[in-house]
PDB file of N, CA and C in Angstrom:
ATOM      1  N   MET A   1       4.924 -23.768  20.007  1.00  0.00           N
ATOM      2  CA  MET A   1       5.912 -22.838  18.910  1.00  0.00           C
ATOM      3  C   MET A   1       4.909 -21.254  19.147  1.00  0.00           C
ATOM      4  N   LEU A   2       5.586 -19.965  18.865  1.00  0.00           N
ATOM      5  CA  LEU A   2       5.268 -19.155  18.835  1.00  0.00           C
ATOM      6  C   LEU A   2       4.911 -18.473  17.508  1.00  0.00           C
ATOM      7  N   TRP A   3       4.159 -17.814  17.074  1.00  0.00           N
ATOM      8  CA  TRP A   3       4.197 -17.293  15.249  1.00  0.00           C
ATOM      9  C   TRP A   3       4.147 -15.536  15.428  1.00  0.00           C
ATOM     10  N   LEU A   4       4.448 -15.003  14.754  1.00  0.00           N
ATOM     11  CA  LEU A   4       4.498 -13.738  14.650  1.00  0.00           C
ATOM     12  C   LEU A   4       3.728 -13.472  12.794  1.00  0.00           C
ATOM     13  N   CYS A   5       3.014 -12.984  13.053  1.00  0.00           N
ATOM     14  CA  CYS A   5       2.476 -11.993  11.206  1.00  0.00           C
ATOM     15  C   CYS A   5       2.505 -10.870  10.986  1.00  0.00           C
ATOM     16  N   LEU A   6       3.281 -10.446   9.912  1.00  0.00           N
ATOM     17  CA  LEU A   6       3.399  -9.144  10.066  1.00  0.00           C
ATOM     18  C   LEU A   6       2.718  -8.894   8.633  1.00  0.00           C
ATOM     19  N   ASN A   7       1.683  -7.977   8.998  1.00  0.00           N
ATOM     20  CA  ASN A   7       0.927  -7.168   7.782  1.00  0.00           C
ATOM     21  C   ASN A   7       1.200  -5.864   7.510  1.00  0.00           C
ATOM     22  N   PHE A   8       1.648  -5.093   6.389  1.00  0.00           N
ATOM     23  CA  PHE A   8       1.958  -3.831   5.876  1.00  0.00           C
ATOM     24  C   PHE A   8       0.783  -3.416   5.305  1.00  0.00           C
ATOM     25  N   THR A   9      -0.276  -2.807   5.894  1.00  0.00           N
ATOM     26  CA  THR A   9      -1.353  -2.381   4.907  1.00  0.00           C
ATOM     27  C   THR A   9      -0.934  -1.143   4.248  1.00  0.00           C
ATOM     28  N   ASN A  10       0.124  -0.302   4.598  1.00  0.00           N
ATOM     29  CA  ASN A  10       0.353   1.089   3.946  1.00  0.00           C
ATOM     30  C   ASN A  10       1.821   0.736   2.993  1.00  0.00           C
ATOM     31  N   LEU A  11       1.943  -0.464   3.065  1.00  0.00           N
ATOM     32  CA  LEU A  11       3.408  -0.650   2.158  1.00  0.00           C
ATOM     33  C   LEU A  11       2.942   0.155   0.820  1.00  0.00           C
ATOM     34  N   PRO A  12       1.967  -0.025   0.350  1.00  0.00           N
ATOM     35  CA  PRO A  12       1.846   0.348  -1.552  1.00  0.00           C
ATOM     36  C   PRO A  12       2.092   1.900  -1.387  1.00  0.00           C
ATOM     37  N   ILE A  13       1.710   2.439  -0.407  1.00  0.00           N
ATOM     38  CA  ILE A  13       1.727   4.324  -0.582  1.00  0.00           C
ATOM     39  C   ILE A  13       3.074   4.427   0.066  1.00  0.00           C
ATOM     40  N   GLU A  14       3.507   3.761   1.138  1.00  0.00           N
ATOM     41  CA  GLU A  14       4.633   4.205   2.072  1.00  0.00           C
ATOM     42  C   GLU A  14       5.861   3.810   0.551  1.00  0.00           C
ATOM     43  N   LEU A  15       5.681   2.968  -0.081  1.00  0.00           N
ATOM     44  CA  LEU A  15       6.976   2.884  -1.211  1.00  0.00           C
ATOM     45  C   LEU A  15       6.755   3.764  -2.229  1.00  0.00           C
ATOM     46  N   ARG A  16       5.441   4.286  -2.636  1.00  0.00           N
ATOM     47  CA  ARG A  16       5.152   5.353  -3.683  1.00  0.00           C
ATOM     48  C   ARG A  16       5.429   6.651  -3.484  1.00  0.00           C
ATOM     49  N   GLU A  17       4.950   7.232  -2.268  1.00  0.00           N
ATOM     50  CA  GLU A  17       4.827   8.375  -1.643  1.00  0.00           C
ATOM     51  C   GLU A  17       6.061   8.662  -1.690  1.00  0.00           C
ATOM     52  N   SER A  18       6.377  10.048  -2.473  1.00  0.00           N
ATOM     53  CA  SER A  18       7.779  10.782  -2.598  1.00  0.00           C
ATOM     54  C   SER A  18       7.878  12.173  -1.559  1.00  0.00           C
ATOM     55  N   ARG A  19       6.536  12.322  -0.933  1.00  0.00           N
ATOM     56  CA  ARG A  19       6.425  13.350   0.477  1.00  0.00           C
ATOM     57  C   ARG A  19       5.188  12.838   1.082  1.00  0.00           C
ATOM     58  N   PRO A  20       5.361  12.897   2.315  1.00  0.00           N
ATOM     59  CA  PRO A  20       4.254  12.411   2.868  1.00  0.00           C
ATOM     60  C   PRO A  20       2.975  13.312   3.466  1.00  0.00           C
ATOM     61  N   ALA A  21       3.325  14.489   2.884  1.00  0.00           N
ATOM     62  CA  ALA A  21       1.901  15.851   3.225  1.00  0.00           C
ATOM     63  C   ALA A  21       1.316  15.724   1.791  1.00  0.00           C
ATOM     64  N   GLU A  22       1.985  14.937   0.883  1.00  0.00           N
ATOM     65  CA  GLU A  22       1.531  14.996  -0.610  1.00  0.00           C
ATOM     66  C   GLU A  22      -0.014  14.464  -0.329  1.00  0.00           C
ATOM     67  N   CYS A  23      -1.183  14.712  -0.841  1.00  0.00           N
ATOM     68  CA  CYS A  23      -2.732  13.688  -0.896  1.00  0.00           C
ATOM     69  C   CYS A  23      -2.283  12.687  -2.061  1.00  0.00           C
ATOM     70  N   SER A  24      -1.970  11.893  -1.704  1.00  0.00           N
ATOM     71  CA  SER A  24      -1.895  10.875  -2.914  1.00  0.00           C
ATOM     72  C   SER A  24      -2.660   9.333  -2.305  1.00  0.00           C
ATOM     73  N   ALA A  25      -2.806   8.549  -3.557  1.00  0.00           N
ATOM     74  CA  ALA A  25      -3.624   7.464  -3.426  1.00  0.00           C
ATOM     75  C   ALA A  25      -2.985   6.297  -4.332  1.00  0.00           C
ATOM     76  N   VAL A  26      -2.796   4.949  -3.516  1.00  0.00           N
ATOM     77  CA  VAL A  26      -2.461   3.921  -4.807  1.00  0.00           C
ATOM     78  C   VAL A  26      -3.714   3.187  -5.200  1.00  0.00           C
ATOM     79  N   THR A  27      -3.734   2.928  -6.691  1.00  0.00           N
ATOM     80  CA  THR A  27      -5.037   2.419  -7.054  1.00  0.00           C
ATOM     81  C   THR A  27      -4.286   1.035  -7.635  1.00  0.00           C
ATOM     82  N   ASP A  28      -5.539   0.037  -7.784  1.00  0.00           N
ATOM     83  CA  ASP A  28      -5.465  -1.114  -8.613  1.00  0.00           C
ATOM     84  C   ASP A  28      -6.527  -1.631  -8.715  1.00  0.00           C
ATOM     85  N   ARG A  29      -6.396  -2.297 -10.232  1.00  0.00           N
ATOM     86  CA  ARG A  29      -7.704  -2.891 -10.902  1.00  0.00           C
ATOM     87  C   ARG A  29      -8.504  -4.026  -9.955  1.00  0.00           C
ATOM     88  N   ILE A  30      -9.475  -3.617  -9.792  1.00  0.00           N
ATOM     89  CA  ILE A  30     -10.103  -5.260  -8.836  1.00  0.00           C
ATOM     90  C   ILE A  30     -11.381  -5.402  -9.502  1.00  0.00           C
ATOM     91  N   ARG A  31     -11.615  -6.465 -10.080  1.00  0.00           N
ATOM     92  CA  ARG A  31     -13.284  -6.885 -10.719  1.00  0.00           C
ATOM     93  C   ARG A  31     -13.194  -5.739 -11.777  1.00  0.00           C
ATOM     94  N   SER A  32     -12.354  -5.219 -12.383  1.00  0.00           N
ATOM     95  CA  SER A  32     -12.839  -4.115 -13.625  1.00  0.00           C
ATOM     96  C   SER A  32     -12.826  -2.732 -13.516  1.00  0.00           C
ATOM     97  N   ARG A  33     -12.614  -2.389 -11.956  1.00  0.00           N
ATOM     98  CA  ARG A  33     -12.625  -1.219 -11.027  1.00  0.00           C
ATOM     99  C   ARG A  33     -11.574  -0.908 -10.888  1.00  0.00           C
ATOM    100  N   ARG A  34     -11.038   0.429 -10.547  1.00  0.00           N
ATOM    101  CA  ARG A  34     -10.191   1.126 -10.021  1.00  0.00           C
ATOM    102  C   ARG A  34     -10.144   1.632  -9.086  1.00  0.00           C
ATOM    103  N   LEU A  35      -9.937   0.752  -7.906  1.00  0.00           N
ATOM    104  CA  LEU A  35      -9.888   1.146  -6.560  1.00  0.00           C
ATOM    105  C   LEU A  35      -9.006   1.672  -5.632  1.00  0.00           C
ATOM    106  N   LEU A  36      -9.090   2.318  -4.728  1.00  0.00           N
ATOM    107  CA  LEU A  36      -7.900   2.902  -3.824  1.00  0.00           C
ATOM    108  C   LEU A  36      -7.402   1.463  -3.122  1.00  0.00           C
ATOM    109  N   ILE A  37      -6.188   1.587  -2.845  1.00  0.00           N
ATOM    110  CA  ILE A  37      -5.746   0.319  -1.819  1.00  0.00           C
ATOM    111  C   ILE A  37      -4.957   0.610  -0.851  1.00  0.00           C
ATOM    112  N   ALA A  38      -4.574   2.042  -0.871  1.00  0.00           N
ATOM    113  CA  ALA A  38      -3.931   2.819   0.180  1.00  0.00           C
ATOM    114  C   ALA A  38      -3.447   4.354   0.115  1.00  0.00           C
ATOM    115  N   VAL A  39      -4.003   5.120   0.833  1.00  0.00           N
ATOM    116  CA  VAL A  39      -4.026   6.236   0.981  1.00  0.00           C
ATOM    117  C   VAL A  39      -3.009   6.877   1.855  1.00  0.00           C
ATOM    118  N   SER A  40      -2.643   8.078   1.615  1.00  0.00           N
ATOM    119  CA  SER A  40      -1.704   9.169   2.383  1.00  0.00           C
ATOM    120  C   SER A  40      -2.389   9.464   3.449  1.00  0.00           C
ATOM    121  N   PRO A  41      -1.856   9.917   4.574  1.00  0.00           N
ATOM    122  CA  PRO A  41      -2.132  10.316   5.657  1.00  0.00           C
ATOM    123  C   PRO A  41      -3.172  12.106   5.061  1.00  0.00           C
ATOM    124  N   ALA A  42      -2.605  12.493   4.311  1.00  0.00           N
ATOM    125  CA  ALA A  42      -3.146  14.103   3.938  1.00  0.00           C
ATOM    126  C   ALA A  42      -4.510  13.516   3.256  1.00  0.00           C
ATOM    127  N   ALA A  43      -4.300  12.763   2.494  1.00  0.00           N
ATOM    128  CA  ALA A  43      -5.604  12.192   1.701  1.00  0.00           C
ATOM    129  C   ALA A  43      -6.440  11.687   2.899  1.00  0.00           C
ATOM    130  N   ALA A  44      -6.344  10.852   3.956  1.00  0.00           N
ATOM    131  CA  ALA A  44      -7.156  10.482   4.446  1.00  0.00           C
ATOM    132  C   ALA A  44      -7.819  11.471   5.579  1.00  0.00           C
ATOM    133  N   THR A  45      -7.034  12.614   5.845  1.00  0.00           N
ATOM    134  CA  THR A  45      -7.697  13.657   6.624  1.00  0.00           C
ATOM    135  C   THR A  45      -8.623  14.589   5.685  1.00  0.00           C
ATOM    136  N   ARG A  46      -8.442  14.379   4.274  1.00  0.00           N
ATOM    137  CA  ARG A  46      -9.488  15.094   3.523  1.00  0.00           C
ATOM    138  C   ARG A  46     -10.893  14.450   3.034  1.00  0.00           C
ATOM    139  N   GLY A  47     -10.597  12.890   3.456  1.00  0.00           N
ATOM    140  CA  GLY A  47     -12.099  11.909   3.692  1.00  0.00           C
ATOM    141  C   GLY A  47     -11.879  10.548   2.513  1.00  0.00           C
ATOM    142  N   ILE A  48     -10.616  10.652   1.891  1.00  0.00           N
ATOM    143  CA  ILE A  48     -10.448   9.815   1.435  1.00  0.00           C
ATOM    144  C   ILE A  48     -10.156   8.444   1.962  1.00  0.00           C
ATOM    145  N   LEU A  49     -10.889   7.116   1.167  1.00  0.00           N
ATOM    146  CA  LEU A  49     -10.787   6.026   2.039  1.00  0.00           C
ATOM    147  C   LEU A  49     -10.258   4.907   1.319  1.00  0.00           C
ATOM    148  N   VAL A  50      -9.900   3.913   2.072  1.00  0.00           N
ATOM    149  CA  VAL A  50      -8.925   2.836   1.070  1.00  0.00           C
ATOM    150  C   VAL A  50     -10.524   2.529   0.506  1.00  0.00           C
ATOM    151  N   GLY A  51     -10.496   1.312  -0.460  1.00  0.00           N
ATOM    152  CA  GLY A  51     -11.892   0.281  -0.676  1.00  0.00           C
ATOM    153  C   GLY A  51     -12.517   1.703  -1.336  1.00  0.00           C
ATOM    154  N   GLN A  52     -11.802   2.839  -1.843  1.00  0.00           N
ATOM    155  CA  GLN A  52     -13.125   4.141  -2.665  1.00  0.00           C
ATOM    156  C   GLN A  52     -12.934   3.689  -4.237  1.00  0.00           C
ATOM    157  N   ASP A  53     -13.958   3.722  -4.737  1.00  0.00           N
ATOM    158  CA  ASP A  53     -13.627   3.800  -6.201  1.00  0.00           C
ATOM    159  C   ASP A  53     -12.601   5.479  -6.607  1.00  0.00           C
ATOM    160  N   ALA A  54     -11.714   5.352  -7.582  1.00  0.00           N
ATOM    161  CA  ALA A  54     -10.861   6.088  -7.854  1.00  0.00           C
ATOM    162  C   ALA A  54     -11.215   7.247  -8.331  1.00  0.00           C
ATOM    163  N   THR A  55     -12.924   7.511  -9.476  1.00  0.00           N
ATOM    164  CA  THR A  55     -13.092   8.161  -9.793  1.00  0.00           C
ATOM    165  C   THR A  55     -14.054   8.892  -8.561  1.00  0.00           C
ATOM    166  N   THR A  56     -14.745   8.774  -7.833  1.00  0.00           N
ATOM    167  CA  THR A  56     -15.632   8.952  -6.462  1.00  0.00           C
ATOM    168  C   THR A  56     -14.474  10.110  -5.763  1.00  0.00           C
ATOM    169  N   ALA A  57     -13.040   9.187  -5.769  1.00  0.00           N
ATOM    170  CA  ALA A  57     -12.500   9.705  -4.705  1.00  0.00           C
ATOM    171  C   ALA A  57     -11.870  11.156  -5.443  1.00  0.00           C
ATOM    172  N   LEU A  58     -11.766  11.384  -6.899  1.00  0.00           N
ATOM    173  CA  LEU A  58     -11.469  12.615  -7.276  1.00  0.00           C
ATOM    174  C   LEU A  58     -12.704  13.605  -7.688  1.00  0.00           C
ATOM    175  N   VAL A  59     -13.530  13.291  -7.570  1.00  0.00           N
ATOM    176  CA  VAL A  59     -14.890  14.241  -7.302  1.00  0.00           C
ATOM    177  C   VAL A  59     -14.663  15.009  -5.962  1.00  0.00           C
ATOM    178  N   ARG A  60     -14.188  13.544  -4.971  1.00  0.00           N
ATOM    179  CA  ARG A  60     -14.086  14.457  -3.783  1.00  0.00           C
ATOM    180  C   ARG A  60     -13.020  15.411  -3.639  1.00  0.00           C
ATOM    181  N   VAL A  61     -11.798  14.983  -3.998  1.00  0.00           N
ATOM    182  CA  VAL A  61     -10.300  15.552  -3.959  1.00  0.00           C
ATOM    183  C   VAL A  61     -10.223  15.809  -4.957  1.00  0.00           C
ATOM    184  N   PRO A  62     -10.217  16.888  -6.339  1.00  0.00           N
ATOM    185  CA  PRO A  62      -9.779  16.910  -7.209  1.00  0.00           C
ATOM    186  C   PRO A  62      -7.963  16.875  -7.817  1.00  0.00           C
ATOM    187  N   ASP A  63      -7.794  17.249  -6.480  1.00  0.00           N
ATOM    188  CA  ASP A  63      -6.106  17.475  -6.645  1.00  0.00           C
ATOM    189  C   ASP A  63      -5.544  16.238  -6.280  1.00  0.00           C
ATOM    190  N   LEU A  64      -6.457  14.991  -5.676  1.00  0.00           N
ATOM    191  CA  LEU A  64      -5.873  13.622  -5.594  1.00  0.00           C
ATOM    192  C   LEU A  64      -4.943  13.396  -6.323  1.00  0.00           C
ATOM    193  N   LYS A  65      -3.620  12.698  -5.993  1.00  0.00           N
ATOM    194  CA  LYS A  65      -2.828  12.310  -6.877  1.00  0.00           C
ATOM    195  C   LYS A  65      -2.822  10.540  -6.859  1.00  0.00           C
ATOM    196  N   LEU A  66      -3.280  10.272  -8.090  1.00  0.00           N
ATOM    197  CA  LEU A  66      -3.369   8.758  -7.939  1.00  0.00           C
ATOM    198  C   LEU A  66      -1.878   8.229  -8.627  1.00  0.00           C
ATOM    199  N   LEU A  67      -1.817   7.023  -7.988  1.00  0.00           N
ATOM    200  CA  LEU A  67      -0.397   6.332  -8.032  1.00  0.00           C
ATOM    201  C   LEU A  67      -0.893   4.844  -8.638  1.00  0.00           C
ATOM    202  N   ASP A  68      -0.413   4.296  -9.617  1.00  0.00           N
ATOM    203  CA  ASP A  68      -0.704   3.318  -9.852  1.00  0.00           C
ATOM    204  C   ASP A  68       0.278   2.048  -9.034  1.00  0.00           C
ATOM    205  N   ARG A  69      -0.153   0.759  -8.421  1.00  0.00           N
ATOM    206  CA  ARG A  69       0.512   0.004  -7.610  1.00  0.00           C
ATOM    207  C   ARG A  69       1.400  -0.848  -8.572  1.00  0.00           C
ATOM    208  N   SER A  70       2.514  -0.832  -8.127  1.00  0.00           N
ATOM    209  CA  SER A  70       4.115  -1.706  -8.230  1.00  0.00           C
ATOM    210  C   SER A  70       4.104  -2.663  -7.399  1.00  0.00           C
ATOM    211  N   LEU A  71       3.214  -3.919  -7.914  1.00  0.00           N
ATOM    212  CA  LEU A  71       3.755  -5.224  -7.224  1.00  0.00           C
ATOM    213  C   LEU A  71       5.068  -5.678  -7.363  1.00  0.00           C
ATOM    214  N   THR A  72       5.647  -5.424  -8.312  1.00  0.00           N
ATOM    215  CA  THR A  72       7.586  -5.810  -8.254  1.00  0.00           C
ATOM    216  C   THR A  72       8.229  -4.745  -7.028  1.00  0.00           C
ATOM    217  N   GLN A  73       7.805  -3.829  -7.095  1.00  0.00           N
ATOM    218  CA  GLN A  73       8.362  -3.048  -6.069  1.00  0.00           C
ATOM    219  C   GLN A  73       8.090  -3.409  -4.273  1.00  0.00           C
ATOM    220  N   GLU A  74       6.619  -3.945  -4.217  1.00  0.00           N
ATOM    221  CA  GLU A  74       6.332  -4.043  -3.191  1.00  0.00           C
ATOM    222  C   GLU A  74       6.975  -5.780  -2.601  1.00  0.00           C
ATOM    223  N   LYS A  75       7.025  -6.502  -3.777  1.00  0.00           N
ATOM    224  CA  LYS A  75       7.315  -8.046  -3.375  1.00  0.00           C
ATOM    225  C   LYS A  75       8.942  -7.727  -3.241  1.00  0.00           C
ATOM    226  N   ALA A  76       9.766  -6.528  -3.904  1.00  0.00           N
ATOM    227  CA  ALA A  76      11.120  -6.570  -3.313  1.00  0.00           C
ATOM    228  C   ALA A  76      11.231  -6.203  -2.346  1.00  0.00           C
ATOM    229  N   ALA A  77      10.326  -5.219  -1.678  1.00  0.00           N
ATOM    230  CA  ALA A  77      10.359  -4.786   0.068  1.00  0.00           C
ATOM    231  C   ALA A  77      10.060  -5.806   0.634  1.00  0.00           C
ATOM    232  N   LEU A  78       9.078  -6.860   0.445  1.00  0.00           N
ATOM    233  CA  LEU A  78       8.719  -7.780   1.329  1.00  0.00           C
ATOM    234  C   LEU A  78      10.048  -8.568   1.300  1.00  0.00           C
ATOM    235  N   LYS A  79      10.552  -9.065   0.925  1.00  0.00           N
ATOM    236  CA  LYS A  79      11.510 -10.077   0.453  1.00  0.00           C
ATOM    237  C   LYS A  79      12.592  -9.481   1.138  1.00  0.00           C
ATOM    238  N   ALA A  80      13.060  -8.197   1.123  1.00  0.00           N
ATOM    239  CA  ALA A  80      14.262  -7.596   2.015  1.00  0.00           C
ATOM    240  C   ALA A  80      13.787  -7.775   3.393  1.00  0.00           C
ATOM    241  N   LEU A  81      12.285  -7.320   3.985  1.00  0.00           N
ATOM    242  CA  LEU A  81      11.941  -7.402   5.240  1.00  0.00           C
ATOM    243  C   LEU A  81      12.125  -8.810   5.647  1.00  0.00           C
ATOM    244  N   ALA A  82      11.484 -10.153   4.639  1.00  0.00           N
ATOM    245  CA  ALA A  82      12.053 -11.414   5.193  1.00  0.00           C
ATOM    246  C   ALA A  82      13.287 -11.838   5.420  1.00  0.00           C
ATOM    247  N   ALA A  83      14.200 -11.262   4.474  1.00  0.00           N
ATOM    248  CA  ALA A  83      15.396 -11.402   4.909  1.00  0.00           C
ATOM    249  C   ALA A  83      16.196 -10.640   6.181  1.00  0.00           C
ATOM    250  N   TRP A  84      15.768  -9.307   6.102  1.00  0.00           N
ATOM    251  CA  TRP A  84      16.197  -8.790   7.741  1.00  0.00           C
ATOM    252  C   TRP A  84      15.500  -9.567   8.751  1.00  0.00           C
ATOM    253  N   ALA A  85      14.604 -10.045   8.878  1.00  0.00           N
ATOM    254  CA  ALA A  85      13.835 -11.018   9.770  1.00  0.00           C
ATOM    255  C   ALA A  85      14.878 -12.390  10.158  1.00  0.00           C
ATOM    256  N   LEU A  86      15.167 -12.770   9.384  1.00  0.00           N
ATOM    257  CA  LEU A  86      16.386 -13.719   9.651  1.00  0.00           C
ATOM    258  C   LEU A  86      17.625 -13.794  10.431  1.00  0.00           C
ATOM    259  N   GLN A  87      17.884 -12.530  10.637  1.00  0.00           N
ATOM    260  CA  GLN A  87      18.389 -12.401  11.990  1.00  0.00           C
ATOM    261  C   GLN A  87      17.827 -12.990  13.553  1.00  0.00           C
ATOM    262  N   PHE A  88      16.682 -12.615  13.487  1.00  0.00           N
ATOM    263  CA  PHE A  88      16.063 -13.420  14.498  1.00  0.00           C
ATOM    264  C   PHE A  88      15.434 -14.650  14.826  1.00  0.00           C
ATOM    265  N   SER A  89      15.523 -15.534  13.335  1.00  0.00           N
ATOM    266  CA  SER A  89      14.796 -16.585  13.612  1.00  0.00           C
ATOM    267  C   SER A  89      15.418 -17.427  12.063  1.00  0.00           C
ATOM    268  N   SER A  90      15.717 -18.629  11.956  1.00  0.00           N
ATOM    269  CA  SER A  90      15.782 -19.216  11.001  1.00  0.00           C
ATOM    270  C   SER A  90      14.658 -19.802   9.948  1.00  0.00           C
ATOM    271  N   GLU A  91      13.373 -19.762  10.925  1.00  0.00           N
ATOM    272  CA  GLU A  91      12.290 -20.051  10.264  1.00  0.00           C
ATOM    273  C   GLU A  91      11.253 -18.794   9.843  1.00  0.00           C
ATOM    274  N   VAL A  92      12.219 -18.239   8.386  1.00  0.00           N
ATOM    275  CA  VAL A  92      10.886 -17.092   8.035  1.00  0.00           C
ATOM    276  C   VAL A  92      10.413 -17.572   6.741  1.00  0.00           C
ATOM    277  N   THR A  93       9.008 -17.498   6.303  1.00  0.00           N
ATOM    278  CA  THR A  93       8.415 -17.353   5.530  1.00  0.00           C
ATOM    279  C   THR A  93       8.143 -16.314   4.717  1.00  0.00           C
ATOM    280  N   PHE A  94       7.604 -16.531   3.662  1.00  0.00           N
ATOM    281  CA  PHE A  94       7.159 -15.244   2.679  1.00  0.00           C
ATOM    282  C   PHE A  94       6.134 -15.459   1.732  1.00  0.00           C
ATOM    283  N   ASP A  95       4.995 -14.472   2.196  1.00  0.00           N
ATOM    284  CA  ASP A  95       4.018 -15.196   1.568  1.00  0.00           C
ATOM    285  C   ASP A  95       3.550 -13.778   0.277  1.00  0.00           C
ATOM    286  N   ASP A  96       3.450 -14.046  -1.104  1.00  0.00           N
ATOM    287  CA  ASP A  96       3.322 -13.429  -2.004  1.00  0.00           C
ATOM    288  C   ASP A  96       2.232 -12.511  -1.831  1.00  0.00           C
ATOM    289  N   VAL A  97       2.280 -11.416  -2.494  1.00  0.00           N
ATOM    290  CA  VAL A  97       1.884  -9.936  -2.180  1.00  0.00           C
ATOM    291  C   VAL A  97       0.176 -10.270  -2.616  1.00  0.00           C
ATOM    292  N   ARG A  98      -0.109 -10.922  -3.622  1.00  0.00           N
ATOM    293  CA  ARG A  98      -1.685 -11.176  -4.246  1.00  0.00           C
ATOM    294  C   ARG A  98      -1.693 -12.430  -3.772  1.00  0.00           C
TER     295      ARG A  98
END
């Protein structure tokens, strides 16, 4: 049997970003620190990296727009993608975001 795994690493920023050219990043609290979990292409070109502390990123790029992670929105999008994948196979599984 063949398996396919899809990993949408940019999903948090793609769901939250209103304008792709905007310098923005999605943050999440990880072990009491606010870290960047996804960055827009515009932010990446200015040296902003996934895993960076939000405060450090703001020092580097003061006009960086920080967006809070929306697990509800991410789960809904992943469930919709899983439902779409059912047209190709009857064996589709969904693993929770966290």
